[in-house]
Amino acid sequence: MYEDKTLVCKDCGAEFVFTAGEQEFYAEKGFQNEPTRCKACRQARKANRAPREMHEVVCAACGKVTQVPFEPRGDRPVYCSECFAAQRA
């Protein structure tokens, strides 16, 4: 059903192969667009991202001090990752 495609990276202009397996994976995930960057450019782009700003909070369930990637507003409880997972289950 799927066949390998040769695409051109929009950053470096190099050709790269969008394999049949990758196309199937994209379809399973519901992705509509083909990749626009080669693997090396994708990795370089990820490496250059700014680190997330973390905020220290106290878990509303267990009282443990933890860090979250958002600034709590104060009107809702904030949980550590273990208590958050337990709340979802």
PDB file of N, CA and C in Angstrom:
ATOM      1  N   MET A   1       0.819  -1.189   0.000  1.00  0.00           N
ATOM      2  CA  MET A   1       0.000   0.000   0.000  1.00  0.00           C
ATOM      3  C   MET A   1       0.870   1.264   0.000  1.00  0.00           C
ATOM      4  N   TYR A   2       1.838   1.310   0.910  1.00  0.00           N
ATOM      5  CA  TYR A   2       2.733   2.468   0.969  1.00  0.00           C
ATOM      6  C   TYR A   2       4.028   2.145   0.249  1.00  0.00           C
ATOM      7  N   GLU A   3       4.624   3.149  -0.355  1.00  0.00           N
ATOM      8  CA  GLU A   3       5.917   2.998  -1.010  1.00  0.00           C
ATOM      9  C   GLU A   3       6.848   4.092  -0.508  1.00  0.00           C
ATOM     10  N   ASP A   4       8.143   3.777  -0.433  1.00  0.00           N
ATOM     11  CA  ASP A   4       9.127   4.774  -0.019  1.00  0.00           C
ATOM     12  C   ASP A   4       9.039   6.000  -0.926  1.00  0.00           C
ATOM     13  N   LYS A   5       9.169   7.190  -0.306  1.00  0.00           N
ATOM     14  CA  LYS A   5       9.158   8.447  -1.059  1.00  0.00           C
ATOM     15  C   LYS A   5      10.444   9.192  -0.758  1.00  0.00           C
ATOM     16  N   THR A   6      10.973   9.862  -1.736  1.00  0.00           N
ATOM     17  CA  THR A   6      12.128  10.724  -1.525  1.00  0.00           C
ATOM     18  C   THR A   6      11.628  12.149  -1.367  1.00  0.00           C
ATOM     19  N   LEU A   7      11.971  12.755  -0.226  1.00  0.00           N
ATOM     20  CA  LEU A   7      11.566  14.125   0.074  1.00  0.00           C
ATOM     21  C   LEU A   7      12.805  15.002   0.188  1.00  0.00           C
ATOM     22  N   VAL A   8      12.616  16.317   0.173  1.00  0.00           N
ATOM     23  CA  VAL A   8      13.716  17.272   0.295  1.00  0.00           C
ATOM     24  C   VAL A   8      13.550  18.045   1.603  1.00  0.00           C
ATOM     25  N   CYS A   9      14.603  18.077   2.407  1.00  0.00           N
ATOM     26  CA  CYS A   9      14.590  18.776   3.687  1.00  0.00           C
ATOM     27  C   CYS A   9      14.477  20.279   3.451  1.00  0.00           C
ATOM     28  N   LYS A  10      13.563  20.927   4.187  1.00  0.00           N
ATOM     29  CA  LYS A  10      13.382  22.357   3.990  1.00  0.00           C
ATOM     30  C   LYS A  10      14.480  23.188   4.663  1.00  0.00           C
ATOM     31  N   ASP A  11      15.258  22.578   5.548  1.00  0.00           N
ATOM     32  CA  ASP A  11      16.337  23.313   6.208  1.00  0.00           C
ATOM     33  C   ASP A  11      17.655  23.218   5.440  1.00  0.00           C
ATOM     34  N   CYS A  12      18.073  21.999   5.139  1.00  0.00           N
ATOM     35  CA  CYS A  12      19.398  21.823   4.523  1.00  0.00           C
ATOM     36  C   CYS A  12      19.337  21.492   3.029  1.00  0.00           C
ATOM     37  N   GLY A  13      18.160  21.164   2.513  1.00  0.00           N
ATOM     38  CA  GLY A  13      18.018  20.861   1.098  1.00  0.00           C
ATOM     39  C   GLY A  13      18.427  19.450   0.696  1.00  0.00           C
ATOM     40  N   ALA A  14      18.816  18.634   1.662  1.00  0.00           N
ATOM     41  CA  ALA A  14      19.219  17.256   1.362  1.00  0.00           C
ATOM     42  C   ALA A  14      17.987  16.388   1.109  1.00  0.00           C
ATOM     43  N   GLU A  15      18.163  15.393   0.275  1.00  0.00           N
ATOM     44  CA  GLU A  15      17.093  14.432   0.042  1.00  0.00           C
ATOM     45  C   GLU A  15      17.118  13.395   1.160  1.00  0.00           C
ATOM     46  N   PHE A  16      15.919  12.938   1.569  1.00  0.00           N
ATOM     47  CA  PHE A  16      15.814  11.860   2.547  1.00  0.00           C
ATOM     48  C   PHE A  16      14.622  11.000   2.183  1.00  0.00           C
ATOM     49  N   VAL A  17      14.631   9.761   2.661  1.00  0.00           N
ATOM     50  CA  VAL A  17      13.590   8.806   2.319  1.00  0.00           C
ATOM     51  C   VAL A  17      12.537   8.771   3.423  1.00  0.00           C
ATOM     52  N   PHE A  18      11.293   8.940   3.031  1.00  0.00           N
ATOM     53  CA  PHE A  18      10.138   8.777   3.907  1.00  0.00           C
ATOM     54  C   PHE A  18       9.644   7.354   3.643  1.00  0.00           C
ATOM     55  N   THR A  19      10.047   6.427   4.506  1.00  0.00           N
ATOM     56  CA  THR A  19       9.827   5.011   4.244  1.00  0.00           C
ATOM     57  C   THR A  19       8.350   4.627   4.331  1.00  0.00           C
ATOM     58  N   ALA A  20       8.036   3.480   3.771  1.00  0.00           N
ATOM     59  CA  ALA A  20       6.670   2.959   3.820  1.00  0.00           C
ATOM     60  C   ALA A  20       6.248   2.742   5.273  1.00  0.00           C
ATOM     61  N   GLY A  21       7.169   2.255   6.101  1.00  0.00           N
ATOM     62  CA  GLY A  21       6.876   2.051   7.522  1.00  0.00           C
ATOM     63  C   GLY A  21       6.571   3.354   8.234  1.00  0.00           C
ATOM     64  N   GLU A  22       7.331   4.389   7.933  1.00  0.00           N
ATOM     65  CA  GLU A  22       7.080   5.702   8.532  1.00  0.00           C
ATOM     66  C   GLU A  22       5.726   6.244   8.065  1.00  0.00           C
ATOM     67  N   GLN A  23       5.406   6.039   6.796  1.00  0.00           N
ATOM     68  CA  GLN A  23       4.120   6.500   6.270  1.00  0.00           C
ATOM     69  C   GLN A  23       2.961   5.797   6.976  1.00  0.00           C
ATOM     70  N   GLU A  24       3.126   4.506   7.211  1.00  0.00           N
ATOM     71  CA  GLU A  24       2.092   3.741   7.916  1.00  0.00           C
ATOM     72  C   GLU A  24       1.940   4.253   9.347  1.00  0.00           C
ATOM     73  N   PHE A  25       3.065   4.529  10.016  1.00  0.00           N
ATOM     74  CA  PHE A  25       3.035   5.071  11.367  1.00  0.00           C
ATOM     75  C   PHE A  25       2.307   6.414  11.390  1.00  0.00           C
ATOM     76  N   TYR A  26       2.634   7.304  10.452  1.00  0.00           N
ATOM     77  CA  TYR A  26       1.976   8.606  10.367  1.00  0.00           C
ATOM     78  C   TYR A  26       0.472   8.433  10.184  1.00  0.00           C
ATOM     79  N   ALA A  27       0.064   7.488   9.331  1.00  0.00           N
ATOM     80  CA  ALA A  27      -1.358   7.250   9.084  1.00  0.00           C
ATOM     81  C   ALA A  27      -2.057   6.737  10.341  1.00  0.00           C
ATOM     82  N   GLU A  28      -1.400   5.828  11.068  1.00  0.00           N
ATOM     83  CA  GLU A  28      -1.979   5.293  12.306  1.00  0.00           C
ATOM     84  C   GLU A  28      -2.185   6.394  13.340  1.00  0.00           C
ATOM     85  N   LYS A  29      -1.264   7.341  13.414  1.00  0.00           N
ATOM     86  CA  LYS A  29      -1.348   8.437  14.370  1.00  0.00           C
ATOM     87  C   LYS A  29      -2.284   9.555  13.900  1.00  0.00           C
ATOM     88  N   GLY A  30      -2.714   9.483  12.645  1.00  0.00           N
ATOM     89  CA  GLY A  30      -3.619  10.500  12.116  1.00  0.00           C
ATOM     90  C   GLY A  30      -2.916  11.750  11.629  1.00  0.00           C
ATOM     91  N   PHE A  31      -1.608  11.671  11.433  1.00  0.00           N
ATOM     92  CA  PHE A  31      -0.865  12.830  10.939  1.00  0.00           C
ATOM     93  C   PHE A  31      -1.224  13.070   9.479  1.00  0.00           C
ATOM     94  N   GLN A  32      -1.491  14.305   9.122  1.00  0.00           N
ATOM     95  CA  GLN A  32      -1.905  14.645   7.774  1.00  0.00           C
ATOM     96  C   GLN A  32      -0.733  15.036   6.880  1.00  0.00           C
ATOM     97  N   ASN A  33       0.325  15.602   7.452  1.00  0.00           N
ATOM     98  CA  ASN A  33       1.442  16.139   6.677  1.00  0.00           C
ATOM     99  C   ASN A  33       2.652  15.220   6.693  1.00  0.00           C
ATOM    100  N   GLU A  34       3.372  15.221   5.607  1.00  0.00           N
ATOM    101  CA  GLU A  34       4.627  14.485   5.525  1.00  0.00           C
ATOM    102  C   GLU A  34       5.701  15.276   6.272  1.00  0.00           C
ATOM    103  N   PRO A  35       6.775  14.605   6.714  1.00  0.00           N
ATOM    104  CA  PRO A  35       7.859  15.342   7.366  1.00  0.00           C
ATOM    105  C   PRO A  35       8.510  16.311   6.384  1.00  0.00           C
ATOM    106  N   THR A  36       8.972  17.436   6.897  1.00  0.00           N
ATOM    107  CA  THR A  36       9.606  18.444   6.044  1.00  0.00           C
ATOM    108  C   THR A  36      11.095  18.568   6.297  1.00  0.00           C
ATOM    109  N   ARG A  37      11.588  17.881   7.347  1.00  0.00           N
ATOM    110  CA  ARG A  37      13.009  17.938   7.684  1.00  0.00           C
ATOM    111  C   ARG A  37      13.594  16.537   7.731  1.00  0.00           C
ATOM    112  N   CYS A  38      14.871  16.430   7.364  1.00  0.00           N
ATOM    113  CA  CYS A  38      15.570  15.153   7.460  1.00  0.00           C
ATOM    114  C   CYS A  38      15.837  14.846   8.937  1.00  0.00           C
ATOM    115  N   LYS A  39      16.242  13.630   9.227  1.00  0.00           N
ATOM    116  CA  LYS A  39      16.459  13.210  10.612  1.00  0.00           C
ATOM    117  C   LYS A  39      17.497  14.083  11.312  1.00  0.00           C
ATOM    118  N   ALA A  40      18.590  14.410  10.644  1.00  0.00           N
ATOM    119  CA  ALA A  40      19.652  15.220  11.256  1.00  0.00           C
ATOM    120  C   ALA A  40      19.133  16.614  11.617  1.00  0.00           C
ATOM    121  N   CYS A  41      18.352  17.223  10.739  1.00  0.00           N
ATOM    122  CA  CYS A  41      17.811  18.561  11.015  1.00  0.00           C
ATOM    123  C   CYS A  41      16.758  18.518  12.118  1.00  0.00           C
ATOM    124  N   ARG A  42      15.959  17.440  12.178  1.00  0.00           N
ATOM    125  CA  ARG A  42      14.977  17.295  13.258  1.00  0.00           C
ATOM    126  C   ARG A  42      15.687  17.192  14.595  1.00  0.00           C
ATOM    127  N   GLN A  43      16.762  16.383  14.644  1.00  0.00           N
ATOM    128  CA  GLN A  43      17.511  16.224  15.891  1.00  0.00           C
ATOM    129  C   GLN A  43      18.175  17.525  16.304  1.00  0.00           C
ATOM    130  N   ALA A  44      18.749  18.264  15.340  1.00  0.00           N
ATOM    131  CA  ALA A  44      19.398  19.541  15.653  1.00  0.00           C
ATOM    132  C   ALA A  44      18.373  20.539  16.180  1.00  0.00           C
ATOM    133  N   ARG A  45      17.196  20.539  15.596  1.00  0.00           N
ATOM    134  CA  ARG A  45      16.132  21.455  16.027  1.00  0.00           C
ATOM    135  C   ARG A  45      15.684  21.139  17.452  1.00  0.00           C
ATOM    136  N   LYS A  46      15.546  19.847  17.766  1.00  0.00           N
ATOM    137  CA  LYS A  46      15.168  19.444  19.121  1.00  0.00           C
ATOM    138  C   LYS A  46      16.239  19.845  20.131  1.00  0.00           C
ATOM    139  N   ALA A  47      17.507  19.687  19.753  1.00  0.00           N
ATOM    140  CA  ALA A  47      18.612  19.991  20.659  1.00  0.00           C
ATOM    141  C   ALA A  47      18.707  21.485  20.964  1.00  0.00           C
ATOM    142  N   ASN A  48      18.228  22.331  20.065  1.00  0.00           N
ATOM    143  CA  ASN A  48      18.328  23.773  20.243  1.00  0.00           C
ATOM    144  C   ASN A  48      17.128  24.402  20.946  1.00  0.00           C
ATOM    145  N   ARG A  49      16.172  23.588  21.339  1.00  0.00           N
ATOM    146  CA  ARG A  49      15.005  24.124  22.048  1.00  0.00           C
ATOM    147  C   ARG A  49      15.414  24.623  23.419  1.00  0.00           C
ATOM    148  N   ALA A  50      14.749  25.677  23.842  1.00  0.00           N
ATOM    149  CA  ALA A  50      14.992  26.206  25.183  1.00  0.00           C
ATOM    150  C   ALA A  50      14.398  25.238  26.200  1.00  0.00           C
ATOM    151  N   PRO A  51      15.085  25.023  27.307  1.00  0.00           N
ATOM    152  CA  PRO A  51      14.536  24.123  28.321  1.00  0.00           C
ATOM    153  C   PRO A  51      13.272  24.730  28.947  1.00  0.00           C
ATOM    154  N   ARG A  52      12.388  23.868  29.362  1.00  0.00           N
ATOM    155  CA  ARG A  52      11.151  24.329  29.990  1.00  0.00           C
ATOM    156  C   ARG A  52      11.446  24.995  31.322  1.00  0.00           C
ATOM    157  N   GLU A  53      10.694  26.024  31.617  1.00  0.00           N
ATOM    158  CA  GLU A  53      10.796  26.657  32.925  1.00  0.00           C
ATOM    159  C   GLU A  53       9.953  25.846  33.894  1.00  0.00           C
ATOM    160  N   MET A  54      10.570  25.375  34.966  1.00  0.00           N
ATOM    161  CA  MET A  54       9.871  24.548  35.941  1.00  0.00           C
ATOM    162  C   MET A  54       9.554  25.366  37.189  1.00  0.00           C
ATOM    163  N   HIS A  55       8.432  25.047  37.829  1.00  0.00           N
ATOM    164  CA  HIS A  55       7.981  25.756  39.027  1.00  0.00           C
ATOM    165  C   HIS A  55       7.841  24.759  40.167  1.00  0.00           C
ATOM    166  N   GLU A  56       8.382  25.116  41.323  1.00  0.00           N
ATOM    167  CA  GLU A  56       8.324  24.245  42.481  1.00  0.00           C
ATOM    168  C   GLU A  56       6.982  24.414  43.178  1.00  0.00           C
ATOM    169  N   VAL A  57       6.336  23.261  43.488  1.00  0.00           N
ATOM    170  CA  VAL A  57       5.035  23.268  44.153  1.00  0.00           C
ATOM    171  C   VAL A  57       4.996  22.156  45.190  1.00  0.00           C
ATOM    172  N   VAL A  58       3.971  22.209  46.032  1.00  0.00           N
ATOM    173  CA  VAL A  58       3.725  21.158  47.004  1.00  0.00           C
ATOM    174  C   VAL A  58       2.501  20.385  46.525  1.00  0.00           C
ATOM    175  N   CYS A  59       2.623  19.071  46.434  1.00  0.00           N
ATOM    176  CA  CYS A  59       1.533  18.216  45.962  1.00  0.00           C
ATOM    177  C   CYS A  59       0.339  18.348  46.898  1.00  0.00           C
ATOM    178  N   ALA A  60      -0.843  18.552  46.322  1.00  0.00           N
ATOM    179  CA  ALA A  60      -2.069  18.718  47.100  1.00  0.00           C
ATOM    180  C   ALA A  60      -2.509  17.417  47.762  1.00  0.00           C
ATOM    181  N   ALA A  61      -2.041  16.279  47.280  1.00  0.00           N
ATOM    182  CA  ALA A  61      -2.470  14.993  47.839  1.00  0.00           C
ATOM    183  C   ALA A  61      -1.505  14.453  48.888  1.00  0.00           C
ATOM    184  N   CYS A  62      -0.207  14.417  48.562  1.00  0.00           N
ATOM    185  CA  CYS A  62       0.749  13.778  49.472  1.00  0.00           C
ATOM    186  C   CYS A  62       1.669  14.761  50.191  1.00  0.00           C
ATOM    187  N   GLY A  63       1.691  16.013  49.751  1.00  0.00           N
ATOM    188  CA  GLY A  63       2.516  17.016  50.410  1.00  0.00           C
ATOM    189  C   GLY A  63       3.969  17.043  49.977  1.00  0.00           C
ATOM    190  N   LYS A  64       4.315  16.213  49.004  1.00  0.00           N
ATOM    191  CA  LYS A  64       5.691  16.154  48.521  1.00  0.00           C
ATOM    192  C   LYS A  64       6.002  17.395  47.675  1.00  0.00           C
ATOM    193  N   VAL A  65       7.217  17.910  47.814  1.00  0.00           N
ATOM    194  CA  VAL A  65       7.658  19.026  46.979  1.00  0.00           C
ATOM    195  C   VAL A  65       8.056  18.465  45.621  1.00  0.00           C
ATOM    196  N   THR A  66       7.541  19.071  44.556  1.00  0.00           N
ATOM    197  CA  THR A  66       7.816  18.606  43.202  1.00  0.00           C
ATOM    198  C   THR A  66       7.894  19.800  42.264  1.00  0.00           C
ATOM    199  N   GLN A  67       8.195  19.554  41.009  1.00  0.00           N
ATOM    200  CA  GLN A  67       8.262  20.617  40.012  1.00  0.00           C
ATOM    201  C   GLN A  67       7.291  20.316  38.891  1.00  0.00           C
ATOM    202  N   VAL A  68       6.676  21.382  38.373  1.00  0.00           N
ATOM    203  CA  VAL A  68       5.731  21.261  37.269  1.00  0.00           C
ATOM    204  C   VAL A  68       6.117  22.258  36.177  1.00  0.00           C
ATOM    205  N   PRO A  69       5.782  21.949  34.893  1.00  0.00           N
ATOM    206  CA  PRO A  69       6.177  22.823  33.783  1.00  0.00           C
ATOM    207  C   PRO A  69       5.200  23.969  33.514  1.00  0.00           C
ATOM    208  N   PHE A  70       4.414  24.338  34.494  1.00  0.00           N
ATOM    209  CA  PHE A  70       3.478  25.454  34.342  1.00  0.00           C
ATOM    210  C   PHE A  70       3.413  26.213  35.653  1.00  0.00           C
ATOM    211  N   GLU A  71       2.962  27.446  35.602  1.00  0.00           N
ATOM    212  CA  GLU A  71       2.836  28.245  36.816  1.00  0.00           C
ATOM    213  C   GLU A  71       1.433  28.050  37.372  1.00  0.00           C
ATOM    214  N   PRO A  72       1.333  27.456  38.560  1.00  0.00           N
ATOM    215  CA  PRO A  72       0.007  27.213  39.136  1.00  0.00           C
ATOM    216  C   PRO A  72      -0.740  28.524  39.377  1.00  0.00           C
ATOM    217  N   ARG A  73      -2.042  28.501  39.118  1.00  0.00           N
ATOM    218  CA  ARG A  73      -2.872  29.699  39.297  1.00  0.00           C
ATOM    219  C   ARG A  73      -3.348  29.842  40.729  1.00  0.00           C
ATOM    220  N   GLY A  74      -3.390  28.752  41.461  1.00  0.00           N
ATOM    221  CA  GLY A  74      -3.822  28.807  42.847  1.00  0.00           C
ATOM    222  C   GLY A  74      -5.281  28.426  43.045  1.00  0.00           C
ATOM    223  N   ASP A  75      -6.066  28.387  41.982  1.00  0.00           N
ATOM    224  CA  ASP A  75      -7.483  28.057  42.125  1.00  0.00           C
ATOM    225  C   ASP A  75      -7.769  26.565  41.938  1.00  0.00           C
ATOM    226  N   ARG A  76      -6.740  25.788  41.608  1.00  0.00           N
ATOM    227  CA  ARG A  76      -6.905  24.348  41.410  1.00  0.00           C
ATOM    228  C   ARG A  76      -5.752  23.617  42.085  1.00  0.00           C
ATOM    229  N   PRO A  77      -5.997  22.396  42.566  1.00  0.00           N
ATOM    230  CA  PRO A  77      -4.909  21.638  43.201  1.00  0.00           C
ATOM    231  C   PRO A  77      -3.867  21.208  42.166  1.00  0.00           C
ATOM    232  N   VAL A  78      -2.633  21.084  42.628  1.00  0.00           N
ATOM    233  CA  VAL A  78      -1.537  20.622  41.780  1.00  0.00           C
ATOM    234  C   VAL A  78      -0.967  19.366  42.435  1.00  0.00           C
ATOM    235  N   TYR A  79      -0.715  18.333  41.596  1.00  0.00           N
ATOM    236  CA  TYR A  79      -0.271  17.050  42.107  1.00  0.00           C
ATOM    237  C   TYR A  79       1.114  16.685  41.569  1.00  0.00           C
ATOM    238  N   CYS A  80       1.837  15.864  42.332  1.00  0.00           N
ATOM    239  CA  CYS A  80       3.083  15.288  41.833  1.00  0.00           C
ATOM    240  C   CYS A  80       2.706  14.268  40.755  1.00  0.00           C
ATOM    241  N   SER A  81       3.683  13.771  40.025  1.00  0.00           N
ATOM    242  CA  SER A  81       3.370  12.866  38.914  1.00  0.00           C
ATOM    243  C   SER A  81       2.694  11.573  39.387  1.00  0.00           C
ATOM    244  N   GLU A  82       3.096  11.042  40.541  1.00  0.00           N
ATOM    245  CA  GLU A  82       2.488   9.810  41.042  1.00  0.00           C
ATOM    246  C   GLU A  82       1.035  10.028  41.432  1.00  0.00           C
ATOM    247  N   CYS A  83       0.751  11.110  42.143  1.00  0.00           N
ATOM    248  CA  CYS A  83      -0.626  11.387  42.562  1.00  0.00           C
ATOM    249  C   CYS A  83      -1.497  11.784  41.368  1.00  0.00           C
ATOM    250  N   PHE A  84      -0.907  12.478  40.393  1.00  0.00           N
ATOM    251  CA  PHE A  84      -1.653  12.826  39.199  1.00  0.00           C
ATOM    252  C   PHE A  84      -2.086  11.567  38.452  1.00  0.00           C
ATOM    253  N   ALA A  85      -1.160  10.611  38.331  1.00  0.00           N
ATOM    254  CA  ALA A  85      -1.476   9.351  37.652  1.00  0.00           C
ATOM    255  C   ALA A  85      -2.571   8.597  38.416  1.00  0.00           C
ATOM    256  N   ALA A  86      -2.524   8.617  39.745  1.00  0.00           N
ATOM    257  CA  ALA A  86      -3.537   7.951  40.554  1.00  0.00           C
ATOM    258  C   ALA A  86      -4.891   8.635  40.394  1.00  0.00           C
ATOM    259  N   GLN A  87      -4.915   9.964  40.269  1.00  0.00           N
ATOM    260  CA  GLN A  87      -6.157  10.711  40.086  1.00  0.00           C
ATOM    261  C   GLN A  87      -6.813  10.359  38.749  1.00  0.00           C
ATOM    262  N   ARG A  88      -5.992  10.141  37.718  1.00  0.00           N
ATOM    263  CA  ARG A  88      -6.517   9.829  36.391  1.00  0.00           C
ATOM    264  C   ARG A  88      -7.084   8.421  36.310  1.00  0.00           C
ATOM    265  N   ALA A  89      -6.553   7.513  37.131  1.00  0.00           N
ATOM    266  CA  ALA A  89      -6.974   6.093  37.079  1.00  0.00           C
ATOM    267  C   ALA A  89      -8.282   5.848  37.777  1.00  0.00           C
TER     268      ALA A  89
END
